[in-house]
Amino acid sequence: MPRKDPLLGLDITHDSYTNIQNHTYLERCQDRFLRYGTTFKCNSMGANAVYTIDPENVKTVLSLKFQDYRLGQRREDAFVPLLGHGIFTTDGEAWKHSRRLLHPSFARRQIGSLDLYERHLKNLSSLIPQDGCSAVDLQSLFFDFTIDTATELFCGQSSFCLAPEKQVTMSAKFAEAFNRSQRTIANGVALGPVAAVTHTPTFNKDRQTVHGFVDQFVRRALDTQKNKDSTASQGSEDDGEEHASFIDRWAQQVKDPIRLRGELLNVILAGRDTTASLLSNFWFVLAKRPDIWKKLQGEIGFLEGQAPTLDQLKALTYLRYCLNESLRLHPPIPVNFRTSVRDTTLPFGGGADGQSPVMVSAGTLVYYHVYSMHRLESIYGPDAADFKPERWESIRPGWGFLPFNGGPRICLGRKSLPKRSQSEHLLITSCRTTSPYGSFLHERTAHAGLLSSPEPRLRTLARGPHN
């Protein structure tokens, strides 16, 4: 890739940082792939970097040659000050320990229970105006909804950000600080070895707010476990394990409050932000596509206004196609990367035609752009830029569709799918109670912080109940 600064690549870093601030980073990345091909090399803050959207290369990095790559120091330097050490910020034995700790909780059936979501959906619905003319910030409500469900699921106690009587509580302050601090660490990734310059007084205050909010749940879980241990030593039995929260189970094994905080923050990030991003992006589409809305209403008609069961959710084919299409065009994690730990190769991208292997020396950053890969016409056809749920009737994109990552680090929740359950349940409730039409929508620009979501805020005029 041509650049003005071949030594340090400061021009590329400056362009990327500017595009992030202008919310045009994802589009500009796609422009580069269209110009230079599906795999190319350049320099990033003095480090060698390979950028790819070739599915076979992505498969190689994440699966076939998994041992050749790590998250790397750049990601650790940017993420750990906020998120601590957890499943998304560690490598090697520490990562394996986190995965072993978390996996049993995600394998339990109650993660898929819809009762938890139904309670918070009622609070969300109560905050949507029914007069047909009042504007509502749906994206903000979606983020409050997912933090309420995530804290109840993972911590055993909801933050109740959507409670009608909510004031400027610690929960609300946490949500604001968490959003702001994530933008900071996204900038830190872009700046690489000088990420520390993003640790401003505002970031440090936000970090304290985030840690303080989570620490209350950590202290409660550790105190509860301490009491259980004491009771067990006296010969009493406890039969509440089946209904224990995630953190209560983790506290049986992890006694270090800092480590427990890190594990909890890592899963809250996944449970809250990715789901809210999916909901925000999909609703943005629905507000402009009455044809899709009508089909969804037709598919859920048999429910006759009742909440669905899990089995009924699985039978809603068109709804699943819609969510797949939203995850394709607006993946919650639009860009990711790994760092090579030894000299290795990628199968494609070299030679004049790009069909030869590419040398990847130790220490090279390998970026895989899911946002751009999901728009490849070679996989999705000439209408790849269009929102077309029907394409999922026949398409099988393999590694060309990567909403949950892949390989050994694939999303733990992909099968239990709390984000799918929440999204499907919320959309069904929406179809029963509101209509997005007559909407006022800001022009959408793809925003790339840690997540992809509409920017500016998604605002819509909510219509009242309809037939």
Protein backbone atom coordinates (compact mmCIF):
# COMPACT_ATOMS: atom_id res chain seq x y z
CA MET A 1 0.00 0.00 0.00
CA PRO A 2 1.50 3.36 -1.01
CA ARG A 3 2.19 5.76 1.85
CA LYS A 4 3.90 9.09 2.43
CA ASP A 5 5.81 7.86 5.49
CA PRO A 6 7.27 4.44 4.63
CA LEU A 7 9.29 4.28 7.87
CA LEU A 8 6.64 4.72 10.58
CA GLY A 9 3.43 4.93 8.59
CA LEU A 10 2.38 8.03 10.54
CA ASP A 11 0.26 9.24 7.63
CA ILE A 12 -1.80 6.04 7.72
CA THR A 13 -2.18 6.29 11.51
CA HIS A 14 -3.23 9.94 11.21
CA ASP A 15 -5.78 9.11 8.51
CA SER A 16 -7.22 6.25 10.58
CA TYR A 17 -7.45 8.37 13.72
CA THR A 18 -9.14 11.20 11.78
CA ASN A 19 -11.60 8.80 10.16
CA ILE A 20 -12.52 7.37 13.56
CA GLN A 21 -13.25 10.85 14.87
CA ASN A 22 -15.34 11.61 11.75
CA HIS A 23 -17.18 8.26 11.94
CA THR A 24 -16.01 7.31 8.45
CA TYR A 25 -13.37 4.73 9.39
CA LEU A 26 -15.24 1.67 8.13
CA GLU A 27 -16.09 3.18 4.76
CA ARG A 28 -12.53 4.37 4.21
CA CYS A 29 -11.20 0.90 5.06
CA GLN A 30 -13.51 -0.60 2.47
CA ASP A 31 -12.27 1.93 -0.09
CA ARG A 32 -8.70 0.73 0.53
CA PHE A 33 -9.62 -2.90 -0.07
CA LEU A 34 -11.38 -1.93 -3.30
CA ARG A 35 -8.25 -0.04 -4.36
CA TYR A 36 -5.47 -2.41 -3.23
CA GLY A 37 -7.12 -5.84 -3.15
CA THR A 38 -8.40 -8.23 -0.50
CA THR A 39 -4.97 -8.47 1.20
CA PHE A 40 -2.24 -5.83 1.40
CA LYS A 41 0.65 -4.75 3.61
CA CYS A 42 1.51 -1.39 5.14
CA ASN A 43 3.17 0.14 8.18
CA SER A 44 1.24 1.05 11.34
CA MET A 45 3.05 3.23 13.90
CA GLY A 46 6.35 1.58 13.00
CA ALA A 47 4.94 -1.96 13.08
CA ASN A 48 4.49 -4.18 10.03
CA ALA A 49 0.83 -4.81 9.30
CA VAL A 50 -1.22 -6.99 6.97
CA TYR A 51 -4.82 -6.09 6.21
CA THR A 52 -7.10 -8.81 4.86
CA ILE A 53 -10.70 -9.61 4.02
CA ASP A 54 -9.91 -12.93 2.37
CA PRO A 55 -11.97 -15.59 4.23
CA GLU A 56 -9.23 -18.21 3.83
CA ASN A 57 -6.68 -15.88 5.38
CA VAL A 58 -9.04 -15.13 8.26
CA LYS A 59 -9.62 -18.85 8.75
CA THR A 60 -5.86 -19.40 8.83
CA VAL A 61 -5.28 -16.72 11.49
CA LEU A 62 -8.18 -17.69 13.76
CA SER A 63 -8.17 -21.46 13.34
CA LEU A 64 -5.67 -23.31 11.15
CA LYS A 65 -2.61 -21.51 12.55
CA PHE A 66 -4.12 -20.34 15.82
CA GLN A 67 -0.88 -21.03 17.70
CA ASP A 68 1.00 -18.60 15.45
CA TYR A 69 -0.98 -15.62 16.75
CA ARG A 70 -1.85 -13.80 19.97
CA LEU A 71 -3.97 -10.77 20.82
CA GLY A 72 -0.69 -8.92 21.28
CA GLN A 73 0.71 -6.07 23.33
CA ARG A 74 -1.13 -3.34 21.42
CA ARG A 75 -4.52 -4.73 22.41
CA GLU A 76 -3.43 -5.38 25.99
CA ASP A 77 -2.07 -1.84 26.40
CA ALA A 78 -5.33 -0.36 25.12
CA PHE A 79 -7.90 -2.67 26.77
CA VAL A 80 -6.53 -3.75 30.15
CA PRO A 81 -6.63 -0.32 31.90
CA LEU A 82 -10.42 -0.34 31.52
CA LEU A 83 -11.46 -3.99 31.17
CA GLY A 84 -8.79 -5.69 33.24
CA HIS A 85 -7.66 -9.27 32.60
CA GLY A 86 -10.41 -11.46 31.19
CA ILE A 87 -11.41 -13.62 28.27
CA PHE A 88 -11.13 -10.79 25.71
CA THR A 89 -7.83 -9.34 26.90
CA THR A 90 -5.62 -12.34 27.71
CA ASP A 91 -3.65 -14.99 25.84
CA GLY A 92 -2.17 -18.39 26.60
CA GLU A 93 -2.84 -20.06 29.93
CA ALA A 94 -4.64 -17.01 31.35
CA TRP A 95 -7.10 -17.08 28.45
CA LYS A 96 -7.59 -20.85 28.80
CA HIS A 97 -8.35 -20.36 32.49
CA SER A 98 -10.93 -17.68 31.68
CA ARG A 99 -12.58 -19.89 29.09
CA ARG A 100 -12.75 -22.86 31.49
CA LEU A 101 -14.20 -20.57 34.15
CA LEU A 102 -16.91 -19.10 31.91
CA HIS A 103 -17.88 -22.05 29.73
CA PRO A 104 -20.05 -23.97 32.25
CA SER A 105 -22.19 -20.88 32.90
CA PHE A 106 -22.85 -20.35 29.20
CA ALA A 107 -23.70 -24.02 28.77
CA ARG A 108 -26.56 -23.88 31.26
CA ARG A 109 -30.10 -23.80 29.93
CA GLN A 110 -31.27 -20.85 32.02
CA ILE A 111 -29.20 -18.42 29.95
CA GLY A 112 -31.81 -18.89 27.25
CA SER A 113 -34.76 -18.24 29.57
CA LEU A 114 -37.03 -15.57 28.12
CA ASP A 115 -38.60 -14.59 31.46
CA LEU A 116 -35.60 -12.41 32.28
CA TYR A 117 -35.89 -10.51 29.00
CA GLU A 118 -39.67 -10.15 29.26
CA ARG A 119 -39.41 -8.28 32.56
CA HIS A 120 -37.05 -5.68 31.14
CA LEU A 121 -38.92 -5.44 27.85
CA LYS A 122 -41.93 -4.20 29.79
CA ASN A 123 -39.82 -1.39 31.23
CA LEU A 124 -38.47 -0.54 27.77
CA SER A 125 -41.96 -0.53 26.20
CA SER A 126 -43.24 1.80 28.92
CA LEU A 127 -40.69 4.44 27.87
CA ILE A 128 -41.69 4.47 24.18
CA PRO A 129 -44.28 7.22 23.49
CA GLN A 130 -47.52 5.98 21.99
CA ASP A 131 -48.82 9.29 20.62
CA GLY A 132 -47.26 8.93 17.17
CA CYS A 133 -45.52 12.30 17.27
CA SER A 134 -42.98 12.23 20.13
CA ALA A 135 -39.38 11.44 19.29
CA VAL A 136 -37.53 8.79 21.27
CA ASP A 137 -33.84 7.90 21.32
CA LEU A 138 -34.09 4.17 20.71
CA GLN A 139 -30.37 3.51 20.72
CA SER A 140 -30.06 4.89 24.24
CA LEU A 141 -32.97 2.71 25.37
CA PHE A 142 -31.44 -0.36 23.75
CA PHE A 143 -28.18 0.18 25.62
CA ASP A 144 -30.12 0.61 28.88
CA PHE A 145 -32.11 -2.54 28.11
CA THR A 146 -29.04 -4.66 27.49
CA ILE A 147 -27.18 -3.40 30.57
CA ASP A 148 -30.27 -4.24 32.65
CA THR A 149 -30.42 -7.79 31.28
CA ALA A 150 -26.65 -8.28 31.35
CA THR A 151 -26.30 -7.23 34.99
CA GLU A 152 -29.17 -9.47 36.07
CA LEU A 153 -27.82 -12.42 34.08
CA PHE A 154 -24.17 -12.03 35.04
CA CYS A 155 -24.41 -10.30 38.44
CA GLY A 156 -27.70 -11.62 39.82
CA GLN A 157 -29.04 -8.08 40.27
CA SER A 158 -30.22 -5.73 37.53
CA SER A 159 -28.99 -2.17 37.20
CA PHE A 160 -32.59 -1.13 36.36
CA CYS A 161 -31.52 1.68 34.05
CA LEU A 162 -34.96 1.41 32.39
CA ALA A 163 -36.94 1.62 35.62
CA PRO A 164 -39.58 4.36 35.18
CA GLU A 165 -38.49 6.11 38.38
CA LYS A 166 -34.79 6.12 37.35
CA GLN A 167 -32.88 9.20 38.40
CA VAL A 168 -29.19 10.03 37.75
CA THR A 169 -28.09 6.89 39.57
CA MET A 170 -24.80 5.02 39.71
CA SER A 171 -26.17 2.78 36.93
CA ALA A 172 -26.76 5.71 34.61
CA LYS A 173 -23.33 7.14 35.37
CA PHE A 174 -21.80 3.73 34.64
CA ALA A 175 -23.49 3.55 31.22
CA GLU A 176 -22.21 7.00 30.24
CA ALA A 177 -18.69 6.33 31.52
CA PHE A 178 -18.54 2.90 29.86
CA ASN A 179 -19.54 4.33 26.47
CA ARG A 180 -17.05 7.18 26.68
CA SER A 181 -14.16 5.05 27.90
CA GLN A 182 -14.65 2.51 25.12
CA ARG A 183 -14.16 5.24 22.56
CA THR A 184 -10.93 6.08 24.36
CA ILE A 185 -9.55 2.56 24.19
CA ALA A 186 -10.53 2.32 20.50
CA ASN A 187 -8.37 5.38 19.91
CA GLY A 188 -5.66 3.70 21.98
CA VAL A 189 -5.63 0.72 19.61
CA ALA A 190 -5.18 3.07 16.65
CA LEU A 191 -2.31 4.89 18.37
CA GLY A 192 -0.50 1.68 19.31
CA PRO A 193 2.69 2.27 21.33
CA VAL A 194 1.59 5.76 22.38
CA ALA A 195 -1.87 4.64 23.58
CA ALA A 196 -1.12 6.07 27.02
CA VAL A 197 -1.68 9.60 25.66
CA THR A 198 -5.42 8.79 25.61
CA HIS A 199 -5.44 8.31 29.39
CA THR A 200 -6.76 11.78 30.10
CA PRO A 201 -8.29 12.90 33.42
CA THR A 202 -11.71 12.24 31.88
CA PHE A 203 -10.76 8.67 31.01
CA ASN A 204 -9.31 8.07 34.46
CA LYS A 205 -12.52 9.33 36.06
CA ASP A 206 -14.63 7.17 33.74
CA ARG A 207 -12.50 4.15 34.59
CA GLN A 208 -13.06 4.74 38.30
CA THR A 209 -16.81 5.00 37.72
CA VAL A 210 -16.89 1.76 35.71
CA HIS A 211 -14.78 -0.14 38.22
CA GLY A 212 -16.76 1.22 41.15
CA PHE A 213 -20.05 0.06 39.61
CA VAL A 214 -18.81 -3.48 38.97
CA ASP A 215 -16.98 -3.77 42.29
CA GLN A 216 -20.27 -3.69 44.20
CA PHE A 217 -21.29 -6.96 42.54
CA VAL A 218 -17.84 -8.46 43.05
CA ARG A 219 -17.88 -7.67 46.79
CA ARG A 220 -21.37 -9.13 47.18
CA ALA A 221 -20.44 -12.35 45.35
CA LEU A 222 -17.23 -12.84 47.36
CA ASP A 223 -19.02 -12.13 50.66
CA THR A 224 -21.81 -14.55 49.73
CA GLN A 225 -19.29 -17.26 48.83
CA LYS A 226 -17.40 -16.67 52.05
CA ASN A 227 -20.60 -17.18 54.03
CA LYS A 228 -21.39 -20.33 52.04
CA ASP A 229 -17.93 -21.70 52.72
CA SER A 230 -18.41 -21.03 56.40
CA THR A 231 -21.83 -22.69 56.39
CA ALA A 232 -20.50 -25.70 54.48
CA SER A 233 -17.72 -26.17 57.00
CA GLN A 234 -20.43 -26.50 59.65
CA GLY A 235 -22.12 -29.30 57.74
CA SER A 236 -25.02 -27.39 56.13
CA GLU A 237 -25.92 -27.88 52.47
CA ASP A 238 -26.85 -25.24 49.93
CA ASP A 239 -29.32 -26.10 47.16
CA GLY A 240 -29.34 -22.77 45.32
CA GLU A 241 -26.55 -23.53 42.84
CA GLU A 242 -28.90 -24.10 39.92
CA HIS A 243 -30.24 -20.53 40.18
CA ALA A 244 -26.96 -18.82 41.10
CA SER A 245 -25.81 -15.91 38.97
CA PHE A 246 -22.74 -16.15 36.78
CA ILE A 247 -20.54 -14.21 39.18
CA ASP A 248 -21.67 -16.33 42.15
CA ARG A 249 -20.42 -19.43 40.34
CA TRP A 250 -17.16 -17.74 39.36
CA ALA A 251 -16.58 -16.62 42.95
CA GLN A 252 -16.36 -20.29 43.92
CA GLN A 253 -13.07 -20.47 42.02
CA VAL A 254 -11.73 -16.90 41.85
CA LYS A 255 -11.06 -15.13 45.15
CA ASP A 256 -9.08 -12.18 43.77
CA PRO A 257 -11.53 -9.23 43.46
CA ILE A 258 -9.45 -7.54 40.73
CA ARG A 259 -9.42 -10.68 38.59
CA LEU A 260 -13.14 -11.25 39.19
CA ARG A 261 -13.85 -7.65 38.19
CA GLY A 262 -11.96 -8.19 34.94
CA GLU A 263 -13.86 -11.36 34.06
CA LEU A 264 -17.16 -9.63 34.78
CA LEU A 265 -16.35 -6.49 32.79
CA ASN A 266 -15.29 -8.59 29.81
CA VAL A 267 -18.63 -10.44 29.63
CA ILE A 268 -20.67 -7.30 30.35
CA LEU A 269 -19.00 -5.70 27.33
CA ALA A 270 -20.07 -8.67 25.20
CA GLY A 271 -23.55 -9.03 26.68
CA ARG A 272 -24.47 -5.37 26.65
CA ASP A 273 -22.77 -3.63 23.76
CA THR A 274 -22.93 -6.18 20.96
CA THR A 275 -26.65 -6.80 21.49
CA ALA A 276 -27.49 -3.10 21.70
CA SER A 277 -25.47 -2.51 18.53
CA LEU A 278 -27.39 -5.25 16.71
CA LEU A 279 -30.75 -3.86 17.83
CA SER A 280 -29.84 -0.27 16.93
CA ASN A 281 -28.56 -1.16 13.48
CA PHE A 282 -31.51 -3.40 12.67
CA TRP A 283 -34.07 -0.85 13.82
CA PHE A 284 -32.41 1.75 11.67
CA VAL A 285 -33.07 -0.51 8.68
CA LEU A 286 -36.64 -1.32 9.74
CA ALA A 287 -37.54 2.36 9.96
CA LYS A 288 -36.81 2.65 6.22
CA ARG A 289 -38.15 -0.73 5.05
CA PRO A 290 -41.92 -1.16 5.57
CA ASP A 291 -41.78 -4.25 3.34
CA ILE A 292 -39.58 -6.05 5.86
CA TRP A 293 -41.71 -4.87 8.76
CA LYS A 294 -44.84 -6.25 7.08
CA LYS A 295 -43.23 -9.66 6.52
CA LEU A 296 -42.12 -9.82 10.14
CA GLN A 297 -45.62 -9.03 11.34
CA GLY A 298 -46.97 -11.77 9.09
CA GLU A 299 -44.53 -14.33 10.46
CA ILE A 300 -45.36 -13.67 14.12
CA GLY A 301 -49.12 -13.45 13.59
CA PHE A 302 -49.70 -16.95 14.99
CA LEU A 303 -48.52 -15.76 18.41
CA GLU A 304 -51.68 -13.63 18.69
CA GLY A 305 -49.95 -11.07 20.87
CA GLN A 306 -48.47 -13.56 23.33
CA ALA A 307 -44.81 -13.80 24.33
CA PRO A 308 -43.01 -16.55 22.39
CA THR A 309 -41.38 -19.67 23.76
CA LEU A 310 -37.82 -20.62 22.83
CA ASP A 311 -39.11 -23.30 20.47
CA GLN A 312 -41.36 -20.76 18.75
CA LEU A 313 -38.44 -18.37 18.37
CA LYS A 314 -36.43 -21.08 16.62
CA ALA A 315 -39.25 -21.52 14.09
CA LEU A 316 -39.23 -17.85 13.00
CA THR A 317 -37.16 -18.26 9.85
CA TYR A 318 -37.60 -14.81 8.33
CA LEU A 319 -36.71 -13.13 11.62
CA ARG A 320 -33.49 -15.17 11.70
CA TYR A 321 -32.71 -14.15 8.12
CA CYS A 322 -33.21 -10.49 9.08
CA LEU A 323 -30.86 -10.71 12.04
CA ASN A 324 -28.25 -12.52 9.94
CA GLU A 325 -28.47 -9.77 7.35
CA SER A 326 -28.10 -7.08 10.01
CA LEU A 327 -25.08 -8.89 11.49
CA ARG A 328 -23.64 -9.11 7.97
CA LEU A 329 -23.97 -5.45 6.96
CA HIS A 330 -23.40 -4.02 10.44
CA PRO A 331 -21.30 -6.54 12.40
CA PRO A 332 -21.04 -5.49 16.07
CA ILE A 333 -17.26 -6.07 15.97
CA PRO A 334 -16.40 -4.61 12.54
CA VAL A 335 -12.59 -4.78 12.80
CA ASN A 336 -10.29 -7.08 14.75
CA PHE A 337 -6.63 -8.04 14.70
CA ARG A 338 -4.00 -10.49 15.90
CA THR A 339 -0.22 -10.29 16.32
CA SER A 340 2.00 -13.03 14.93
CA VAL A 341 4.37 -14.58 17.46
CA ARG A 342 6.57 -16.40 14.92
CA ASP A 343 7.35 -16.26 11.21
CA THR A 344 4.40 -17.74 9.36
CA THR A 345 2.36 -17.38 6.15
CA LEU A 346 -1.10 -16.59 4.89
CA PRO A 347 -2.35 -18.64 1.91
CA PHE A 348 -3.43 -15.73 -0.32
CA GLY A 349 -2.49 -12.14 -1.13
CA GLY A 350 0.98 -12.57 -2.64
CA GLY A 351 2.15 -12.45 -6.23
CA ALA A 352 0.90 -10.31 -9.08
CA ASP A 353 -2.54 -11.93 -8.99
CA GLY A 354 -2.85 -12.18 -5.20
CA GLN A 355 -3.14 -15.96 -5.32
CA SER A 356 0.24 -16.80 -3.79
CA PRO A 357 1.12 -17.07 -0.07
CA VAL A 358 2.13 -14.00 1.94
CA MET A 359 5.04 -14.00 4.37
CA VAL A 360 4.07 -12.81 7.87
CA SER A 361 7.11 -12.18 10.03
CA ALA A 362 7.01 -12.39 13.83
CA GLY A 363 5.50 -9.28 15.40
CA THR A 364 3.32 -8.41 12.40
CA LEU A 365 -0.18 -7.09 13.08
CA VAL A 366 -2.81 -8.91 11.01
CA TYR A 367 -6.06 -6.95 10.76
CA TYR A 368 -9.19 -8.69 9.50
CA HIS A 369 -11.99 -6.31 8.53
CA VAL A 370 -15.28 -8.11 9.04
CA TYR A 371 -17.26 -5.06 7.87
CA SER A 372 -15.60 -5.11 4.44
CA MET A 373 -15.47 -8.91 4.16
CA HIS A 374 -19.23 -9.07 4.70
CA ARG A 375 -19.65 -6.85 1.62
CA LEU A 376 -17.63 -8.98 -0.80
CA GLU A 377 -19.55 -9.35 -4.04
CA SER A 378 -17.64 -12.57 -4.71
CA ILE A 379 -19.55 -14.10 -1.78
CA TYR A 380 -22.79 -12.14 -1.54
CA GLY A 381 -23.36 -11.16 -5.15
CA PRO A 382 -23.64 -7.81 -6.94
CA ASP A 383 -26.28 -6.65 -4.43
CA ALA A 384 -23.95 -7.23 -1.46
CA ALA A 385 -24.45 -3.63 -0.24
CA ASP A 386 -28.24 -4.10 -0.06
CA PHE A 387 -30.20 -5.30 2.97
CA LYS A 388 -31.79 -8.47 1.58
CA PRO A 389 -32.85 -11.07 4.18
CA GLU A 390 -33.98 -13.47 1.45
CA ARG A 391 -30.36 -14.16 0.46
CA TRP A 392 -30.08 -16.40 3.55
CA GLU A 393 -32.52 -18.88 2.06
CA SER A 394 -29.68 -20.34 0.01
CA ILE A 395 -26.34 -18.69 0.81
CA ARG A 396 -23.73 -20.54 2.88
CA PRO A 397 -20.81 -18.10 3.23
CA GLY A 398 -18.67 -20.15 5.63
CA TRP A 399 -15.78 -18.05 6.96
CA GLY A 400 -17.09 -15.16 4.89
CA PHE A 401 -19.67 -14.56 7.65
CA LEU A 402 -18.04 -13.88 10.99
CA PRO A 403 -20.41 -12.22 13.49
CA PHE A 404 -19.18 -14.33 16.42
CA ASN A 405 -15.49 -14.67 15.53
CA GLY A 406 -14.18 -18.19 14.84
CA GLY A 407 -11.75 -20.91 15.84
CA PRO A 408 -10.84 -21.65 19.48
CA ARG A 409 -11.81 -18.08 20.50
CA ILE A 410 -15.29 -18.26 18.96
CA CYS A 411 -18.02 -16.54 21.02
CA LEU A 412 -19.04 -18.66 24.02
CA GLY A 413 -22.63 -17.44 23.70
CA ARG A 414 -23.10 -18.34 20.05
CA LYS A 415 -25.20 -21.45 20.81
CA SER A 416 -27.05 -20.25 23.87
CA LEU A 417 -27.20 -16.89 22.08
CA PRO A 418 -28.45 -14.49 24.72
CA LYS A 419 -28.02 -11.69 22.20
CA ARG A 420 -30.22 -13.50 19.67
CA SER A 421 -32.86 -14.32 22.30
CA GLN A 422 -32.97 -10.70 23.43
CA SER A 423 -33.02 -9.35 19.89
CA GLU A 424 -35.67 -11.74 18.61
CA HIS A 425 -37.85 -11.27 21.68
CA LEU A 426 -37.61 -7.49 21.55
CA LEU A 427 -38.40 -7.36 17.85
CA ILE A 428 -41.45 -9.59 18.32
CA THR A 429 -42.66 -7.36 21.14
CA SER A 430 -42.10 -4.31 18.91
CA CYS A 431 -44.10 -5.85 16.08
CA ARG A 432 -46.95 -6.44 18.51
CA THR A 433 -47.01 -2.94 19.98
CA THR A 434 -45.44 -0.23 17.81
CA SER A 435 -44.66 0.85 14.29
CA PRO A 436 -41.48 2.73 13.26
CA TYR A 437 -43.03 4.64 10.38
CA GLY A 438 -43.35 8.35 10.04
CA SER A 439 -39.86 8.18 11.50
CA PHE A 440 -37.36 10.99 11.75
CA LEU A 441 -33.89 9.54 11.25
CA HIS A 442 -30.53 11.21 11.20
CA GLU A 443 -28.42 10.29 8.21
CA ARG A 444 -26.53 7.16 9.18
CA THR A 445 -22.76 7.10 9.24
CA ALA A 446 -21.01 3.92 10.33
CA HIS A 447 -19.38 4.50 13.69
CA ALA A 448 -16.32 2.46 14.62
CA GLY A 449 -15.35 2.55 18.24
CA LEU A 450 -15.12 -0.93 19.64
CA LEU A 451 -18.52 -1.57 18.07
CA SER A 452 -20.50 -0.68 14.98
CA SER A 453 -23.68 1.28 15.61
CA PRO A 454 -25.59 4.20 14.11
CA GLU A 455 -24.02 7.58 14.68
CA PRO A 456 -25.45 10.11 15.53
CA ARG A 457 -28.06 8.67 17.87
CA LEU A 458 -30.94 6.75 16.33
CA ARG A 459 -34.13 8.73 16.92
CA THR A 460 -37.55 7.66 15.72
CA LEU A 461 -41.16 8.70 16.08
CA ALA A 462 -42.87 5.73 17.68
CA ARG A 463 -46.38 4.96 16.50
CA GLY A 464 -49.00 3.57 18.81
CA PRO A 465 -50.50 0.04 18.79
CA HIS A 466 -51.73 -1.20 15.46
CA ASN A 467 -53.37 -4.27 13.93
